[in-house]
Amino acid sequence: MFAVIETGGKQYLVKAGDTLKIEKIVGEANAEVIFDKVLMLADDAGGEVKVGSPYIADAKVTATILAQARAKKVRVVKYKRKVRYCKVHGHRQDYTKVKIASL
């Protein structure tokens, strides 16, 4: 069985036992999180498919927070030739690593 959930403005295809890096959500490590914005539920064979409009009522996906961390640094460079203008900035995005427990 798999589901499509929405969190952080993005959609993820998840199965039980999957680990994901999602946009940062509030919570400590080993805390349980419930995703109630389920867009689609289906079994592995594709025989039974439920599609919400936009979400399926009474459907939820539970997960466990594994870690709150930061991604690798991304360098942002602004450069203008002939003017001696060069700026370099760095950015590290926060993320939450979760493990899907059940659908």
N, C-alpha and C. Protein backbone atom coordinates (compact mmCIF):
# COMPACT_ATOMS: atom_id res chain seq x y z
N MET A 1 0.85 -1.17 0.00
CA MET A 1 0.00 0.00 0.00
C MET A 1 0.89 1.24 0.00
N PHE A 2 0.52 2.25 -0.75
CA PHE A 2 1.27 3.49 -0.78
C PHE A 2 0.31 4.67 -0.79
N ALA A 3 0.86 5.84 -0.48
CA ALA A 3 0.04 7.05 -0.40
C ALA A 3 0.84 8.23 -0.94
N VAL A 4 0.11 9.26 -1.33
CA VAL A 4 0.72 10.53 -1.72
C VAL A 4 0.28 11.55 -0.67
N ILE A 5 1.26 12.14 0.03
CA ILE A 5 0.96 13.11 1.08
C ILE A 5 1.51 14.47 0.67
N GLU A 6 0.97 15.51 1.30
CA GLU A 6 1.44 16.87 1.05
C GLU A 6 1.96 17.44 2.37
N THR A 7 3.17 17.97 2.33
CA THR A 7 3.74 18.66 3.48
C THR A 7 4.80 19.63 3.00
N GLY A 8 4.83 20.80 3.59
CA GLY A 8 5.83 21.80 3.21
C GLY A 8 5.67 22.31 1.79
N GLY A 9 4.46 22.24 1.23
CA GLY A 9 4.23 22.70 -0.12
C GLY A 9 4.69 21.73 -1.19
N LYS A 10 5.08 20.52 -0.79
CA LYS A 10 5.54 19.50 -1.73
C LYS A 10 4.73 18.23 -1.55
N GLN A 11 4.73 17.37 -2.55
CA GLN A 11 4.02 16.10 -2.49
C GLN A 11 5.03 14.97 -2.49
N TYR A 12 4.78 13.94 -1.67
CA TYR A 12 5.69 12.81 -1.54
C TYR A 12 4.91 11.50 -1.70
N LEU A 13 5.48 10.56 -2.44
CA LEU A 13 4.95 9.22 -2.56
C LEU A 13 5.61 8.37 -1.48
N VAL A 14 4.81 7.82 -0.55
CA VAL A 14 5.37 7.13 0.60
C VAL A 14 4.77 5.73 0.75
N LYS A 15 5.58 4.85 1.32
CA LYS A 15 5.16 3.51 1.72
C LYS A 15 5.57 3.32 3.18
N ALA A 16 5.02 2.32 3.83
CA ALA A 16 5.41 2.03 5.21
C ALA A 16 6.88 1.60 5.24
N GLY A 17 7.65 2.20 6.14
CA GLY A 17 9.07 1.89 6.27
C GLY A 17 10.00 2.84 5.52
N ASP A 18 9.48 3.74 4.70
CA ASP A 18 10.31 4.70 3.96
C ASP A 18 10.86 5.77 4.90
N THR A 19 12.05 6.29 4.58
CA THR A 19 12.60 7.45 5.27
C THR A 19 12.65 8.61 4.28
N LEU A 20 12.27 9.80 4.75
CA LEU A 20 12.19 10.99 3.90
C LEU A 20 12.89 12.16 4.54
N LYS A 21 13.40 13.06 3.71
CA LYS A 21 13.86 14.38 4.16
C LYS A 21 12.81 15.37 3.69
N ILE A 22 12.10 15.99 4.64
CA ILE A 22 11.04 16.93 4.30
C ILE A 22 11.39 18.30 4.86
N GLU A 23 10.63 19.32 4.47
CA GLU A 23 10.81 20.65 5.02
C GLU A 23 10.65 20.58 6.53
N LYS A 24 11.33 21.45 7.25
CA LYS A 24 11.35 21.38 8.70
C LYS A 24 9.95 21.51 9.29
N ILE A 25 9.65 20.60 10.22
CA ILE A 25 8.41 20.65 10.98
C ILE A 25 8.77 20.67 12.45
N VAL A 26 7.84 21.11 13.28
CA VAL A 26 8.09 21.24 14.71
C VAL A 26 8.01 19.86 15.36
N GLY A 27 9.00 19.55 16.21
CA GLY A 27 8.98 18.29 16.93
C GLY A 27 10.38 17.86 17.32
N GLU A 28 10.44 17.06 18.37
CA GLU A 28 11.70 16.51 18.85
C GLU A 28 11.97 15.17 18.16
N ALA A 29 13.19 14.66 18.33
CA ALA A 29 13.52 13.35 17.80
C ALA A 29 12.71 12.29 18.55
N ASN A 30 12.33 11.24 17.84
CA ASN A 30 11.51 10.13 18.34
C ASN A 30 10.07 10.52 18.64
N ALA A 31 9.63 11.69 18.21
CA ALA A 31 8.23 12.09 18.38
C ALA A 31 7.42 11.57 17.19
N GLU A 32 6.13 11.36 17.42
CA GLU A 32 5.25 10.88 16.36
C GLU A 32 4.58 12.06 15.67
N VAL A 33 4.49 11.98 14.34
CA VAL A 33 3.88 13.03 13.53
C VAL A 33 2.77 12.39 12.71
N ILE A 34 1.66 13.10 12.58
CA ILE A 34 0.55 12.61 11.77
C ILE A 34 0.35 13.56 10.59
N PHE A 35 0.41 13.00 9.38
CA PHE A 35 0.15 13.76 8.16
C PHE A 35 -1.30 13.48 7.76
N ASP A 36 -2.14 14.51 7.82
CA ASP A 36 -3.55 14.31 7.49
C ASP A 36 -3.91 14.81 6.10
N LYS A 37 -2.97 15.43 5.41
CA LYS A 37 -3.21 15.88 4.03
C LYS A 37 -2.80 14.76 3.07
N VAL A 38 -3.67 13.77 2.94
CA VAL A 38 -3.42 12.62 2.07
C VAL A 38 -4.17 12.85 0.77
N LEU A 39 -3.44 12.88 -0.34
CA LEU A 39 -4.02 13.15 -1.65
C LEU A 39 -4.51 11.88 -2.34
N MET A 40 -3.80 10.75 -2.10
CA MET A 40 -4.16 9.52 -2.78
C MET A 40 -3.74 8.32 -1.94
N LEU A 41 -4.54 7.27 -1.95
CA LEU A 41 -4.22 5.98 -1.35
C LEU A 41 -4.41 4.90 -2.39
N ALA A 42 -3.49 3.93 -2.44
CA ALA A 42 -3.62 2.84 -3.41
C ALA A 42 -2.92 1.61 -2.87
N ASP A 43 -3.38 0.44 -3.30
CA ASP A 43 -2.67 -0.78 -2.94
C ASP A 43 -1.58 -1.05 -3.98
N ASP A 44 -0.68 -1.99 -3.68
CA ASP A 44 0.47 -2.22 -4.56
C ASP A 44 0.07 -2.76 -5.93
N ALA A 45 -1.00 -3.53 -5.99
CA ALA A 45 -1.42 -4.10 -7.27
C ALA A 45 -2.13 -3.07 -8.14
N GLY A 46 -2.59 -1.96 -7.54
CA GLY A 46 -3.29 -0.94 -8.31
C GLY A 46 -4.77 -1.23 -8.48
N GLY A 47 -5.27 -2.22 -7.74
CA GLY A 47 -6.68 -2.57 -7.86
C GLY A 47 -7.61 -1.57 -7.20
N GLU A 48 -7.23 -1.11 -6.03
CA GLU A 48 -8.08 -0.16 -5.29
C GLU A 48 -7.34 1.16 -5.14
N VAL A 49 -7.89 2.21 -5.71
CA VAL A 49 -7.27 3.53 -5.67
C VAL A 49 -8.31 4.53 -5.17
N LYS A 50 -7.92 5.32 -4.14
CA LYS A 50 -8.78 6.40 -3.65
C LYS A 50 -8.07 7.71 -3.92
N VAL A 51 -8.77 8.61 -4.59
CA VAL A 51 -8.22 9.93 -4.90
C VAL A 51 -9.10 10.97 -4.24
N GLY A 52 -8.50 11.89 -3.50
CA GLY A 52 -9.25 12.93 -2.81
C GLY A 52 -9.44 14.15 -3.69
N SER A 53 -10.32 15.02 -3.21
CA SER A 53 -10.52 16.28 -3.93
C SER A 53 -10.60 17.43 -2.94
N PRO A 54 -9.54 18.03 -2.49
CA PRO A 54 -8.15 17.67 -2.76
C PRO A 54 -7.62 16.60 -1.82
N TYR A 55 -8.23 16.43 -0.62
CA TYR A 55 -7.71 15.46 0.35
C TYR A 55 -8.76 14.39 0.63
N ILE A 56 -8.27 13.22 1.07
CA ILE A 56 -9.16 12.13 1.45
C ILE A 56 -9.56 12.34 2.91
N ALA A 57 -10.87 12.34 3.16
CA ALA A 57 -11.35 12.50 4.53
C ALA A 57 -11.04 11.24 5.34
N ASP A 58 -10.69 11.42 6.60
CA ASP A 58 -10.40 10.32 7.54
C ASP A 58 -9.19 9.49 7.15
N ALA A 59 -8.32 9.97 6.31
CA ALA A 59 -7.09 9.25 5.97
C ALA A 59 -5.93 9.96 6.63
N LYS A 60 -4.99 9.17 7.17
CA LYS A 60 -3.82 9.77 7.81
C LYS A 60 -2.63 8.84 7.67
N VAL A 61 -1.46 9.44 7.70
CA VAL A 61 -0.20 8.71 7.63
C VAL A 61 0.59 9.09 8.89
N THR A 62 1.04 8.10 9.64
CA THR A 62 1.82 8.37 10.85
C THR A 62 3.30 8.13 10.56
N ALA A 63 4.12 8.96 11.17
CA ALA A 63 5.57 8.87 10.97
C ALA A 63 6.27 9.20 12.28
N THR A 64 7.55 8.85 12.35
CA THR A 64 8.39 9.14 13.51
C THR A 64 9.53 10.03 13.07
N ILE A 65 9.78 11.09 13.84
CA ILE A 65 10.89 12.00 13.52
C ILE A 65 12.20 11.33 13.93
N LEU A 66 13.11 11.19 12.97
CA LEU A 66 14.42 10.62 13.25
C LEU A 66 15.43 11.69 13.63
N ALA A 67 15.41 12.83 12.94
CA ALA A 67 16.41 13.87 13.20
C ALA A 67 15.93 15.21 12.68
N GLN A 68 16.38 16.27 13.33
CA GLN A 68 16.25 17.64 12.84
C GLN A 68 17.66 18.06 12.45
N ALA A 69 17.87 18.41 11.19
CA ALA A 69 19.23 18.69 10.73
C ALA A 69 19.23 19.80 9.70
N ARG A 70 20.43 20.08 9.18
CA ARG A 70 20.61 21.09 8.14
C ARG A 70 21.32 20.45 6.96
N ALA A 71 20.95 20.87 5.77
CA ALA A 71 21.53 20.34 4.54
C ALA A 71 22.92 20.93 4.32
N LYS A 72 23.60 20.44 3.30
CA LYS A 72 24.91 20.98 2.95
C LYS A 72 24.77 22.42 2.47
N LYS A 73 25.85 23.17 2.58
CA LYS A 73 25.83 24.58 2.20
C LYS A 73 25.74 24.74 0.69
N VAL A 74 24.88 25.65 0.28
CA VAL A 74 24.75 26.02 -1.13
C VAL A 74 25.34 27.41 -1.28
N ARG A 75 26.27 27.56 -2.22
CA ARG A 75 26.89 28.87 -2.45
C ARG A 75 26.11 29.64 -3.50
N VAL A 76 25.83 30.90 -3.18
CA VAL A 76 25.14 31.79 -4.10
C VAL A 76 26.12 32.89 -4.47
N VAL A 77 26.42 33.01 -5.77
CA VAL A 77 27.43 33.96 -6.24
C VAL A 77 26.76 35.00 -7.13
N LYS A 78 27.03 36.28 -6.82
CA LYS A 78 26.59 37.38 -7.68
C LYS A 78 27.86 38.01 -8.25
N TYR A 79 27.91 38.17 -9.57
CA TYR A 79 29.12 38.66 -10.20
C TYR A 79 28.75 39.56 -11.37
N LYS A 80 29.41 40.71 -11.45
CA LYS A 80 29.25 41.60 -12.60
C LYS A 80 30.65 41.89 -13.14
N ARG A 81 30.83 41.57 -14.39
CA ARG A 81 32.15 41.76 -14.98
C ARG A 81 32.42 43.24 -15.23
N LYS A 82 33.65 43.61 -15.30
CA LYS A 82 34.14 44.97 -15.60
C LYS A 82 33.83 45.99 -14.51
N VAL A 83 33.19 45.59 -13.43
CA VAL A 83 32.82 46.55 -12.39
C VAL A 83 33.48 46.18 -11.06
N ARG A 84 34.16 45.05 -11.03
CA ARG A 84 34.79 44.53 -9.81
C ARG A 84 33.75 44.27 -8.72
N TYR A 85 32.64 43.68 -9.12
CA TYR A 85 31.57 43.38 -8.17
C TYR A 85 31.44 41.86 -8.07
N CYS A 86 31.65 41.36 -6.86
CA CYS A 86 31.51 39.92 -6.63
C CYS A 86 31.06 39.70 -5.20
N LYS A 87 29.93 39.03 -5.01
CA LYS A 87 29.44 38.70 -3.67
C LYS A 87 29.17 37.21 -3.61
N VAL A 88 29.57 36.59 -2.51
CA VAL A 88 29.34 35.17 -2.30
C VAL A 88 28.60 35.01 -0.97
N HIS A 89 27.47 34.35 -1.03
CA HIS A 89 26.68 34.07 0.16
C HIS A 89 26.49 32.56 0.25
N GLY A 90 26.29 32.08 1.47
CA GLY A 90 26.01 30.67 1.67
C GLY A 90 24.65 30.49 2.32
N HIS A 91 24.03 29.33 2.08
CA HIS A 91 22.72 29.04 2.66
C HIS A 91 22.65 27.56 3.01
N ARG A 92 22.16 27.27 4.22
CA ARG A 92 21.92 25.89 4.64
C ARG A 92 20.46 25.75 5.02
N GLN A 93 19.75 24.87 4.32
CA GLN A 93 18.33 24.67 4.54
C GLN A 93 18.09 23.69 5.68
N ASP A 94 17.17 24.02 6.58
CA ASP A 94 16.78 23.10 7.65
C ASP A 94 15.84 22.03 7.07
N TYR A 95 15.97 20.80 7.57
CA TYR A 95 15.07 19.74 7.16
C TYR A 95 14.81 18.80 8.33
N THR A 96 13.78 17.99 8.17
CA THR A 96 13.42 16.98 9.16
C THR A 96 13.45 15.62 8.48
N LYS A 97 14.12 14.67 9.10
CA LYS A 97 14.18 13.32 8.57
C LYS A 97 13.14 12.49 9.31
N VAL A 98 12.20 11.89 8.56
CA VAL A 98 11.12 11.11 9.17
C VAL A 98 11.10 9.70 8.59
N LYS A 99 10.56 8.76 9.38
CA LYS A 99 10.35 7.39 8.94
C LYS A 99 8.87 7.10 9.00
N ILE A 100 8.30 6.65 7.89
CA ILE A 100 6.88 6.37 7.81
C ILE A 100 6.58 5.08 8.57
N ALA A 101 5.64 5.17 9.52
CA ALA A 101 5.29 4.01 10.33
C ALA A 101 4.12 3.24 9.74
N SER A 102 3.03 3.94 9.48
CA SER A 102 1.85 3.25 8.95
C SER A 102 1.03 4.19 8.08
N LEU A 103 0.21 3.58 7.22
CA LEU A 103 -0.66 4.35 6.34
C LEU A 103 -2.10 4.23 6.81
